[in-house]
Amino acid sequence: MRVIAIILATLLSAVTLGSQESQPTTQRGTGLLTVCRDTTEFSRGVCMGYILGVADTSKGVCVPPGVNVRQIVDLCVQYLEQHPATRQEFSYQLILRALHEAWSCPAQ
């Protein structure tokens, strides 16, 4: 399952929303935030798929029981909105940072 999530995240990072080069991609935080703010079904699917692909393969993150998919996506989008200075970093790094800040596993 993790292999599928990694492949999905990799493929989605190369997706562009249109044929023009100026369209956002999910590779950097700025592009991912643009995609996640778009209200089209396709963009919502790309946003959710990318974030969940990274979340499913992350280590050291202990999402509490009862947290749903929408909450995970909302957390990551909120992180992107609240940290504009980091949006040029790779999206997967920003997602991991958001998840670790919110739900790091207890030290053992």
Protein backbone atom coordinates (compact mmCIF):
# COMPACT_ATOMS: atom_id res chain seq x y z
CA MET A 1 0.00 0.00 0.00
CA ARG A 2 2.84 2.40 0.81
CA VAL A 3 4.41 1.71 -2.58
CA ILE A 4 1.17 2.72 -4.28
CA ALA A 5 0.99 5.89 -2.19
CA ILE A 6 4.58 6.79 -3.10
CA ILE A 7 3.91 6.20 -6.78
CA LEU A 8 0.71 8.25 -6.58
CA ALA A 9 2.48 11.14 -4.85
CA THR A 10 5.28 11.06 -7.40
CA LEU A 11 2.88 11.06 -10.33
CA LEU A 12 0.76 13.81 -8.85
CA SER A 13 3.80 16.01 -8.30
CA ALA A 14 4.26 16.12 -12.07
CA VAL A 15 0.62 16.93 -12.85
CA THR A 16 -0.11 20.33 -14.30
CA LEU A 17 -3.58 21.78 -14.48
CA GLY A 18 -3.68 22.71 -18.14
CA SER A 19 -1.34 22.96 -21.05
CA GLN A 20 0.25 26.29 -20.18
CA GLU A 21 3.56 26.33 -18.37
CA SER A 22 2.30 29.04 -16.03
CA GLN A 23 -0.23 26.68 -14.49
CA PRO A 24 0.65 25.51 -10.96
CA THR A 25 2.08 22.12 -10.15
CA THR A 26 2.12 20.40 -6.79
CA GLN A 27 5.91 20.24 -6.61
CA ARG A 28 6.34 23.40 -4.50
CA GLY A 29 4.17 24.71 -1.68
CA THR A 30 2.97 27.68 -3.70
CA GLY A 31 1.64 25.45 -6.45
CA LEU A 32 0.09 22.97 -4.05
CA LEU A 33 -1.71 25.76 -2.21
CA THR A 34 -3.03 27.11 -5.52
CA VAL A 35 -4.28 23.66 -6.49
CA CYS A 36 -5.86 23.12 -3.06
CA ARG A 37 -7.67 26.47 -3.21
CA ASP A 38 -9.13 25.66 -6.64
CA THR A 39 -12.73 24.52 -6.40
CA THR A 40 -12.79 22.15 -9.37
CA GLU A 41 -13.26 18.48 -8.64
CA PHE A 42 -10.02 17.60 -10.39
CA SER A 43 -7.98 20.06 -8.33
CA ARG A 44 -9.57 18.92 -5.08
CA GLY A 45 -8.67 15.34 -6.00
CA VAL A 46 -5.08 16.28 -6.83
CA CYS A 47 -4.76 18.21 -3.57
CA MET A 48 -6.21 15.43 -1.46
CA GLY A 49 -4.30 12.68 -3.27
CA TYR A 50 -0.96 14.45 -2.95
CA ILE A 51 -1.37 15.27 0.74
CA LEU A 52 -2.66 11.82 1.64
CA GLY A 53 0.08 10.15 -0.38
CA VAL A 54 2.69 11.97 1.68
CA ALA A 55 0.79 11.41 4.93
CA ASP A 56 0.42 7.68 4.31
CA THR A 57 4.15 7.26 3.83
CA SER A 58 5.30 9.51 6.67
CA LYS A 59 7.14 8.15 9.66
CA GLY A 60 6.89 9.56 13.16
CA VAL A 61 3.37 10.87 12.67
CA CYS A 62 0.63 9.49 14.91
CA VAL A 63 -2.69 10.77 13.65
CA PRO A 64 -5.19 10.49 16.50
CA PRO A 65 -8.15 8.14 16.15
CA GLY A 66 -11.19 9.86 14.74
CA VAL A 67 -9.27 12.31 12.55
CA ASN A 68 -10.70 12.13 9.05
CA VAL A 69 -9.20 12.75 5.63
CA ARG A 70 -10.68 16.24 5.33
CA GLN A 71 -9.06 17.25 8.63
CA ILE A 72 -5.65 16.07 7.46
CA VAL A 73 -5.98 18.03 4.21
CA ASP A 74 -7.29 21.12 6.05
CA LEU A 75 -4.37 20.99 8.49
CA CYS A 76 -1.83 20.93 5.65
CA VAL A 77 -3.55 23.70 3.67
CA GLN A 78 -3.75 25.83 6.82
CA TYR A 79 -0.03 25.26 7.38
CA LEU A 80 0.72 26.45 3.84
CA GLU A 81 -1.44 29.53 4.34
CA GLN A 82 0.20 30.41 7.66
CA HIS A 83 3.80 29.95 6.46
CA PRO A 84 4.15 31.98 3.25
CA ALA A 85 7.94 32.29 3.63
CA THR A 86 8.36 28.53 3.20
CA ARG A 87 6.08 28.01 0.20
CA GLN A 88 8.99 27.75 -2.26
CA GLU A 89 10.11 24.56 -0.52
CA PHE A 90 9.05 21.17 -1.83
CA SER A 91 5.43 20.37 -1.01
CA TYR A 92 6.20 17.01 0.54
CA GLN A 93 8.58 18.68 3.03
CA LEU A 94 5.92 21.20 4.04
CA ILE A 95 3.29 18.51 4.45
CA LEU A 96 5.60 16.44 6.62
CA ARG A 97 6.40 19.48 8.73
CA ALA A 98 2.71 20.26 9.22
CA LEU A 99 1.93 16.67 10.19
CA HIS A 100 4.88 16.41 12.58
CA GLU A 101 4.01 19.69 14.28
CA ALA A 102 0.42 18.57 14.78
CA TRP A 103 0.74 14.86 15.47
CA SER A 104 4.28 13.74 16.25
CA CYS A 105 4.46 10.34 17.85
CA PRO A 106 5.50 10.40 21.51
CA ALA A 107 9.20 9.80 22.09
CA GLN A 108 9.96 6.27 23.18
